[in-house]
C-alpha cells in the first residue's frame, strides 16, 4: 500500500491515508500487531464509554485505525 522509503517520509504519497478496522478489543489487537513486527502509533483513546480507538502501523508501514465502534456508531455518537 505504501512505497519503500524512510518510515516518517510520507508527505506527498498518493492514495489512502489509513485503513480503519472494527475490532471489539483494540488493546489486544494493538498488542498483537506490535508482537508481530508492527508498532502502536497512539495511545488507546476512549471516544465514548465502551468505544475505544487506537492507531497502529503494520510491518509493511500501513497505518491502521482500530476502533471498537462501527463507523455509524462513531459518527452517531452512540
PDB file of N, CA and C in Angstrom:
ATOM      1  N   UNK A   1       0.812  -1.181   0.000  1.00  0.00           N
ATOM      2  CA  UNK A   1       0.000   0.000   0.000  1.00  0.00           C
ATOM      3  C   UNK A   1       0.867   1.262   0.000  1.00  0.00           C
ATOM      4  N   UNK A   2       2.032   1.230   0.667  1.00  0.00           N
ATOM      5  CA  UNK A   2       2.912   2.394   0.661  1.00  0.00           C
ATOM      6  C   UNK A   2       4.228   2.031   0.003  1.00  0.00           C
ATOM      7  N   UNK A   3       4.868   2.975  -0.687  1.00  0.00           N
ATOM      8  CA  UNK A   3       6.143   2.680  -1.323  1.00  0.00           C
ATOM      9  C   UNK A   3       7.270   2.590  -0.300  1.00  0.00           C
ATOM     10  N   UNK A   4       8.373   1.961  -0.702  1.00  0.00           N
ATOM     11  CA  UNK A   4       9.540   1.863   0.167  1.00  0.00           C
ATOM     12  C   UNK A   4      10.138   3.241   0.376  1.00  0.00           C
ATOM     13  N   UNK A   5      10.692   3.474   1.538  1.00  0.00           N
ATOM     14  CA  UNK A   5      11.314   4.752   1.847  1.00  0.00           C
ATOM     15  C   UNK A   5      11.401   4.939   3.337  1.00  0.00           C
ATOM     16  N   UNK A   6      11.956   6.056   3.784  1.00  0.00           N
ATOM     17  CA  UNK A   6      12.055   6.305   5.222  1.00  0.00           C
ATOM     18  C   UNK A   6      10.687   6.237   5.894  1.00  0.00           C
ATOM     19  N   UNK A   7      10.656   5.711   7.105  1.00  0.00           N
ATOM     20  CA  UNK A   7       9.397   5.460   7.817  1.00  0.00           C
ATOM     21  C   UNK A   7       8.556   6.709   8.028  1.00  0.00           C
ATOM     22  N   UNK A   8       9.182   7.859   8.229  1.00  0.00           N
ATOM     23  CA  UNK A   8       8.414   9.060   8.520  1.00  0.00           C
ATOM     24  C   UNK A   8       8.309  10.011   7.341  1.00  0.00           C
ATOM     25  N   UNK A   9       8.716   9.595   6.162  1.00  0.00           N
ATOM     26  CA  UNK A   9       8.679  10.445   4.972  1.00  0.00           C
ATOM     27  C   UNK A   9       7.477  10.071   4.114  1.00  0.00           C
ATOM     28  N   UNK A  10       6.275  10.470   4.544  1.00  0.00           N
ATOM     29  CA  UNK A  10       5.060  10.076   3.848  1.00  0.00           C
ATOM     30  C   UNK A  10       4.404  11.231   3.112  1.00  0.00           C
ATOM     31  N   UNK A  11       4.947  12.410   3.229  1.00  0.00           N
ATOM     32  CA  UNK A  11       4.339  13.577   2.594  1.00  0.00           C
ATOM     33  C   UNK A  11       4.293  13.394   1.087  1.00  0.00           C
ATOM     34  N   UNK A  12       3.152  13.652   0.516  1.00  0.00           N
ATOM     35  CA  UNK A  12       3.014  13.604  -0.929  1.00  0.00           C
ATOM     36  C   UNK A  12       2.710  12.230  -1.506  1.00  0.00           C
ATOM     37  N   UNK A  13       2.573  11.223  -0.668  1.00  0.00           N
ATOM     38  CA  UNK A  13       2.248   9.899  -1.194  1.00  0.00           C
ATOM     39  C   UNK A  13       0.791   9.866  -1.630  1.00  0.00           C
ATOM     40  N   UNK A  14       0.510   9.316  -2.785  1.00  0.00           N
ATOM     41  CA  UNK A  14      -0.874   9.220  -3.234  1.00  0.00           C
ATOM     42  C   UNK A  14      -1.599   8.082  -2.512  1.00  0.00           C
ATOM     43  N   UNK A  15      -2.897   8.115  -2.572  1.00  0.00           N
ATOM     44  CA  UNK A  15      -3.678   7.008  -2.029  1.00  0.00           C
ATOM     45  C   UNK A  15      -4.224   7.301  -0.642  1.00  0.00           C
ATOM     46  N   UNK A  16      -4.821   6.300  -0.024  1.00  0.00           N
ATOM     47  CA  UNK A  16      -5.464   6.491   1.275  1.00  0.00           C
ATOM     48  C   UNK A  16      -4.441   6.771   2.375  1.00  0.00           C
ATOM     49  N   UNK A  17      -4.868   7.551   3.356  1.00  0.00           N
ATOM     50  CA  UNK A  17      -4.015   7.866   4.497  1.00  0.00           C
ATOM     51  C   UNK A  17      -3.929   6.669   5.450  1.00  0.00           C
ATOM     52  N   UNK A  18      -5.057   6.001   5.668  1.00  0.00           N
ATOM     53  CA  UNK A  18      -5.071   4.846   6.566  1.00  0.00           C
ATOM     54  C   UNK A  18      -6.293   3.982   6.282  1.00  0.00           C
ATOM     55  N   UNK A  19      -6.265   2.804   6.877  1.00  0.00           N
ATOM     56  CA  UNK A  19      -7.383   1.868   6.792  1.00  0.00           C
ATOM     57  C   UNK A  19      -7.970   1.766   8.194  1.00  0.00           C
ATOM     58  N   UNK A  20      -9.284   1.724   8.300  1.00  0.00           N
ATOM     59  CA  UNK A  20      -9.932   1.596   9.606  1.00  0.00           C
ATOM     60  C   UNK A  20     -10.538   0.206   9.740  1.00  0.00           C
ATOM     61  N   UNK A  21     -10.264  -0.424  10.879  1.00  0.00           N
ATOM     62  CA  UNK A  21     -10.795  -1.746  11.188  1.00  0.00           C
ATOM     63  C   UNK A  21     -11.681  -1.648  12.422  1.00  0.00           C
ATOM     64  N   UNK A  22     -12.738  -2.435  12.461  1.00  0.00           N
ATOM     65  CA  UNK A  22     -13.562  -2.543  13.654  1.00  0.00           C
ATOM     66  C   UNK A  22     -13.190  -3.837  14.355  1.00  0.00           C
ATOM     67  N   UNK A  23     -12.800  -3.728  15.639  1.00  0.00           N
ATOM     68  CA  UNK A  23     -12.370  -4.884  16.421  1.00  0.00           C
ATOM     69  C   UNK A  23     -12.843  -4.659  17.849  1.00  0.00           C
ATOM     70  N   UNK A  24     -13.438  -5.665  18.492  1.00  0.00           N
ATOM     71  CA  UNK A  24     -14.026  -5.437  19.816  1.00  0.00           C
ATOM     72  C   UNK A  24     -13.016  -5.066  20.908  1.00  0.00           C
ATOM     73  N   UNK A  25     -11.783  -5.577  20.833  1.00  0.00           N
ATOM     74  CA  UNK A  25     -10.769  -5.308  21.863  1.00  0.00           C
ATOM     75  C   UNK A  25      -9.559  -4.660  21.197  1.00  0.00           C
ATOM     76  N   UNK A  26      -9.544  -3.329  21.138  1.00  0.00           N
ATOM     77  CA  UNK A  26      -8.488  -2.623  20.413  1.00  0.00           C
ATOM     78  C   UNK A  26      -7.127  -2.796  21.076  1.00  0.00           C
ATOM     79  N   UNK A  27      -7.085  -2.883  22.398  1.00  0.00           N
ATOM     80  CA  UNK A  27      -5.811  -3.077  23.095  1.00  0.00           C
ATOM     81  C   UNK A  27      -5.194  -4.415  22.725  1.00  0.00           C
ATOM     82  N   UNK A  28      -6.001  -5.456  22.692  1.00  0.00           N
ATOM     83  CA  UNK A  28      -5.488  -6.767  22.316  1.00  0.00           C
ATOM     84  C   UNK A  28      -4.915  -6.748  20.898  1.00  0.00           C
ATOM     85  N   UNK A  29      -5.643  -6.162  19.962  1.00  0.00           N
ATOM     86  CA  UNK A  29      -5.179  -6.133  18.581  1.00  0.00           C
ATOM     87  C   UNK A  29      -3.917  -5.280  18.435  1.00  0.00           C
ATOM     88  N   UNK A  30      -3.826  -4.165  19.144  1.00  0.00           N
ATOM     89  CA  UNK A  30      -2.610  -3.345  19.108  1.00  0.00           C
ATOM     90  C   UNK A  30      -1.417  -4.136  19.641  1.00  0.00           C
ATOM     91  N   UNK A  31      -1.611  -4.875  20.722  1.00  0.00           N
ATOM     92  CA  UNK A  31      -0.540  -5.715  21.262  1.00  0.00           C
ATOM     93  C   UNK A  31      -0.149  -6.813  20.280  1.00  0.00           C
ATOM     94  N   UNK A  32      -1.119  -7.396  19.609  1.00  0.00           N
ATOM     95  CA  UNK A  32      -0.857  -8.442  18.612  1.00  0.00           C
ATOM     96  C   UNK A  32      -0.050  -7.886  17.431  1.00  0.00           C
ATOM     97  N   UNK A  33      -0.402  -6.694  16.990  1.00  0.00           N
ATOM     98  CA  UNK A  33       0.321  -6.058  15.882  1.00  0.00           C
ATOM     99  C   UNK A  33       1.767  -5.787  16.282  1.00  0.00           C
ATOM    100  N   UNK A  34       1.981  -5.223  17.481  1.00  0.00           N
ATOM    101  CA  UNK A  34       3.353  -4.927  17.911  1.00  0.00           C
ATOM    102  C   UNK A  34       4.158  -6.202  18.144  1.00  0.00           C
ATOM    103  N   UNK A  35       3.519  -7.260  18.590  1.00  0.00           N
ATOM    104  CA  UNK A  35       4.223  -8.535  18.800  1.00  0.00           C
ATOM    105  C   UNK A  35       4.620  -9.198  17.490  1.00  0.00           C
ATOM    106  N   UNK A  36       4.033  -8.743  16.389  1.00  0.00           N
ATOM    107  CA  UNK A  36       4.307  -9.362  15.095  1.00  0.00           C
ATOM    108  C   UNK A  36       4.963  -8.402  14.106  1.00  0.00           C
ATOM    109  N   UNK A  37       5.730  -7.443  14.624  1.00  0.00           N
ATOM    110  CA  UNK A  37       6.534  -6.596  13.757  1.00  0.00           C
ATOM    111  C   UNK A  37       5.984  -5.224  13.459  1.00  0.00           C
ATOM    112  N   UNK A  38       4.796  -4.911  13.938  1.00  0.00           N
ATOM    113  CA  UNK A  38       4.240  -3.577  13.732  1.00  0.00           C
ATOM    114  C   UNK A  38       4.538  -2.702  14.932  1.00  0.00           C
ATOM    115  N   UNK A  39       3.851  -1.558  15.011  1.00  0.00           N
ATOM    116  CA  UNK A  39       4.023  -0.708  16.182  1.00  0.00           C
ATOM    117  C   UNK A  39       2.738   0.057  16.466  1.00  0.00           C
ATOM    118  N   UNK A  40       2.571   0.406  17.733  1.00  0.00           N
ATOM    119  CA  UNK A  40       1.431   1.209  18.147  1.00  0.00           C
ATOM    120  C   UNK A  40       1.831   2.671  18.005  1.00  0.00           C
ATOM    121  N   UNK A  41       1.039   3.457  17.280  1.00  0.00           N
ATOM    122  CA  UNK A  41       1.385   4.845  16.992  1.00  0.00           C
ATOM    123  C   UNK A  41       0.672   5.845  17.897  1.00  0.00           C
ATOM    124  N   UNK A  42      -0.311   5.411  18.656  1.00  0.00           N
ATOM    125  CA  UNK A  42      -1.022   6.316  19.560  1.00  0.00           C
ATOM    126  C   UNK A  42      -1.404   5.566  20.825  1.00  0.00           C
ATOM    127  N   UNK A  43      -1.822   6.312  21.806  1.00  0.00           N
ATOM    128  CA  UNK A  43      -2.400   5.669  22.986  1.00  0.00           C
ATOM    129  C   UNK A  43      -3.807   5.199  22.620  1.00  0.00           C
ATOM    130  N   UNK A  44      -4.403   4.395  23.468  1.00  0.00           N
ATOM    131  CA  UNK A  44      -5.805   3.988  23.279  1.00  0.00           C
ATOM    132  C   UNK A  44      -6.677   5.111  23.831  1.00  0.00           C
ATOM    133  N   UNK A  45      -7.537   5.648  22.970  1.00  0.00           N
ATOM    134  CA  UNK A  45      -8.451   6.708  23.378  1.00  0.00           C
ATOM    135  C   UNK A  45      -9.848   6.130  23.571  1.00  0.00           C
ATOM    136  N   UNK A  46     -10.530   6.593  24.585  1.00  0.00           N
ATOM    137  CA  UNK A  46     -11.932   6.245  24.785  1.00  0.00           C
ATOM    138  C   UNK A  46     -12.769   7.378  24.210  1.00  0.00           C
ATOM    139  N   UNK A  47     -13.484   7.083  23.122  1.00  0.00           N
ATOM    140  CA  UNK A  47     -14.331   8.085  22.488  1.00  0.00           C
ATOM    141  C   UNK A  47     -15.613   8.289  23.274  1.00  0.00           C
ATOM    142  N   UNK A  48     -16.213   7.180  23.654  1.00  0.00           N
ATOM    143  CA  UNK A  48     -17.425   7.127  24.457  1.00  0.00           C
ATOM    144  C   UNK A  48     -17.275   5.906  25.341  1.00  0.00           C
ATOM    145  N   UNK A  49     -18.012   5.808  26.431  1.00  0.00           N
ATOM    146  CA  UNK A  49     -17.892   4.611  27.266  1.00  0.00           C
ATOM    147  C   UNK A  49     -18.061   3.327  26.434  1.00  0.00           C
ATOM    148  N   UNK A  50     -17.062   2.475  26.510  1.00  0.00           N
ATOM    149  CA  UNK A  50     -17.098   1.217  25.761  1.00  0.00           C
ATOM    150  C   UNK A  50     -16.693   1.338  24.301  1.00  0.00           C
ATOM    151  N   UNK A  51     -16.294   2.522  23.868  1.00  0.00           N
ATOM    152  CA  UNK A  51     -15.906   2.763  22.465  1.00  0.00           C
ATOM    153  C   UNK A  51     -14.493   3.331  22.433  1.00  0.00           C
ATOM    154  N   UNK A  52     -13.530   2.473  22.088  1.00  0.00           N
ATOM    155  CA  UNK A  52     -12.117   2.854  22.083  1.00  0.00           C
ATOM    156  C   UNK A  52     -11.559   2.872  20.672  1.00  0.00           C
ATOM    157  N   UNK A  53     -10.459   3.624  20.499  1.00  0.00           N
ATOM    158  CA  UNK A  53      -9.779   3.686  19.212  1.00  0.00           C
ATOM    159  C   UNK A  53      -8.274   3.798  19.463  1.00  0.00           C
ATOM    160  N   UNK A  54      -7.473   3.224  18.562  1.00  0.00           N
ATOM    161  CA  UNK A  54      -6.017   3.302  18.621  1.00  0.00           C
ATOM    162  C   UNK A  54      -5.481   3.272  17.189  1.00  0.00           C
ATOM    163  N   UNK A  55      -4.356   3.944  16.972  1.00  0.00           N
ATOM    164  CA  UNK A  55      -3.693   3.908  15.664  1.00  0.00           C
ATOM    165  C   UNK A  55      -2.443   3.054  15.764  1.00  0.00           C
ATOM    166  N   UNK A  56      -2.250   2.183  14.775  1.00  0.00           N
ATOM    167  CA  UNK A  56      -1.086   1.306  14.717  1.00  0.00           C
ATOM    168  C   UNK A  56      -0.491   1.357  13.316  1.00  0.00           C
ATOM    169  N   UNK A  57       0.652   0.731  13.180  1.00  0.00           N
ATOM    170  CA  UNK A  57       1.319   0.615  11.888  1.00  0.00           C
ATOM    171  C   UNK A  57       1.681  -0.853  11.716  1.00  0.00           C
ATOM    172  N   UNK A  58       1.292  -1.452  10.611  1.00  0.00           N
ATOM    173  CA  UNK A  58       1.625  -2.859  10.392  1.00  0.00           C
ATOM    174  C   UNK A  58       3.088  -2.985   9.955  1.00  0.00           C
ATOM    175  N   UNK A  59       3.613  -4.214   9.858  1.00  0.00           N
ATOM    176  CA  UNK A  59       5.025  -4.387   9.481  1.00  0.00           C
ATOM    177  C   UNK A  59       5.369  -3.814   8.109  1.00  0.00           C
ATOM    178  N   UNK A  60       4.371  -3.562   7.272  1.00  0.00           N
ATOM    179  CA  UNK A  60       4.603  -3.009   5.939  1.00  0.00           C
ATOM    180  C   UNK A  60       4.428  -1.493   5.916  1.00  0.00           C
ATOM    181  N   UNK A  61       4.268  -0.883   7.130  1.00  0.00           N
ATOM    182  CA  UNK A  61       4.157   0.554   7.335  1.00  0.00           C
ATOM    183  C   UNK A  61       2.809   1.138   6.923  1.00  0.00           C
ATOM    184  N   UNK A  62       1.792   0.310   6.785  1.00  0.00           N
ATOM    185  CA  UNK A  62       0.439   0.818   6.542  1.00  0.00           C
ATOM    186  C   UNK A  62      -0.153   1.279   7.864  1.00  0.00           C
ATOM    187  N   UNK A  63      -0.812   2.419   7.866  1.00  0.00           N
ATOM    188  CA  UNK A  63      -1.429   2.963   9.073  1.00  0.00           C
ATOM    189  C   UNK A  63      -2.807   2.318   9.249  1.00  0.00           C
ATOM    190  N   UNK A  64      -3.063   1.850  10.466  1.00  0.00           N
ATOM    191  CA  UNK A  64      -4.325   1.183  10.792  1.00  0.00           C
ATOM    192  C   UNK A  64      -5.012   1.937  11.925  1.00  0.00           C
ATOM    193  N   UNK A  65      -6.230   2.333  11.712  1.00  0.00           N
ATOM    194  CA  UNK A  65      -7.070   2.865  12.777  1.00  0.00           C
ATOM    195  C   UNK A  65      -7.917   1.697  13.246  1.00  0.00           C
ATOM    196  N   UNK A  66      -7.846   1.384  14.518  1.00  0.00           N
ATOM    197  CA  UNK A  66      -8.605   0.254  15.060  1.00  0.00           C
ATOM    198  C   UNK A  66      -9.629   0.826  16.033  1.00  0.00           C
ATOM    199  N   UNK A  67     -10.886   0.561  15.768  1.00  0.00           N
ATOM    200  CA  UNK A  67     -11.973   1.107  16.566  1.00  0.00           C
ATOM    201  C   UNK A  67     -12.876  -0.011  17.054  1.00  0.00           C
ATOM    202  N   UNK A  68     -13.321   0.107  18.298  1.00  0.00           N
ATOM    203  CA  UNK A  68     -14.274  -0.891  18.806  1.00  0.00           C
ATOM    204  C   UNK A  68     -15.700  -0.540  18.407  1.00  0.00           C
ATOM    205  N   UNK A  69     -15.881   0.643  17.834  1.00  0.00           N
ATOM    206  CA  UNK A  69     -17.197   1.065  17.363  1.00  0.00           C
ATOM    207  C   UNK A  69     -17.241   1.005  15.843  1.00  0.00           C
ATOM    208  N   UNK A  70     -18.404   0.725  15.313  1.00  0.00           N
ATOM    209  CA  UNK A  70     -18.561   0.765  13.866  1.00  0.00           C
ATOM    210  C   UNK A  70     -18.588   2.222  13.416  1.00  0.00           C
ATOM    211  N   UNK A  71     -18.450   2.444  12.127  1.00  0.00           N
ATOM    212  CA  UNK A  71     -18.436   3.798  11.576  1.00  0.00           C
ATOM    213  C   UNK A  71     -19.697   4.555  11.954  1.00  0.00           C
ATOM    214  N   UNK A  72     -20.855   3.924  11.790  1.00  0.00           N
ATOM    215  CA  UNK A  72     -22.107   4.627  12.094  1.00  0.00           C
ATOM    216  C   UNK A  72     -22.254   4.900  13.582  1.00  0.00           C
ATOM    217  N   UNK A  73     -21.770   3.996  14.450  1.00  0.00           N
ATOM    218  CA  UNK A  73     -21.819   4.242  15.887  1.00  0.00           C
ATOM    219  C   UNK A  73     -20.946   5.439  16.275  1.00  0.00           C
ATOM    220  N   UNK A  74     -19.771   5.525  15.669  1.00  0.00           N
ATOM    221  CA  UNK A  74     -18.853   6.618  15.992  1.00  0.00           C
ATOM    222  C   UNK A  74     -19.449   7.960  15.597  1.00  0.00           C
ATOM    223  N   UNK A  75     -19.957   8.070  14.392  1.00  0.00           N
ATOM    224  CA  UNK A  75     -20.457   9.352  13.909  1.00  0.00           C
ATOM    225  C   UNK A  75     -21.849   9.692  14.431  1.00  0.00           C
ATOM    226  N   UNK A  76     -22.541   8.713  14.973  1.00  0.00           N
ATOM    227  CA  UNK A  76     -23.844   8.981  15.579  1.00  0.00           C
ATOM    228  C   UNK A  76     -23.699   9.249  17.080  1.00  0.00           C
ATOM    229  N   UNK A  77     -22.435   9.219  17.561  1.00  0.00           N
ATOM    230  CA  UNK A  77     -22.153   9.445  18.995  1.00  0.00           C
ATOM    231  C   UNK A  77     -22.909   8.488  19.894  1.00  0.00           C
ATOM    232  N   UNK A  78     -22.907   7.212  19.493  1.00  0.00           N
ATOM    233  CA  UNK A  78     -23.561   6.215  20.355  1.00  0.00           C
ATOM    234  C   UNK A  78     -22.720   4.986  20.487  1.00  0.00           C
TER     235      UNK A  78
END
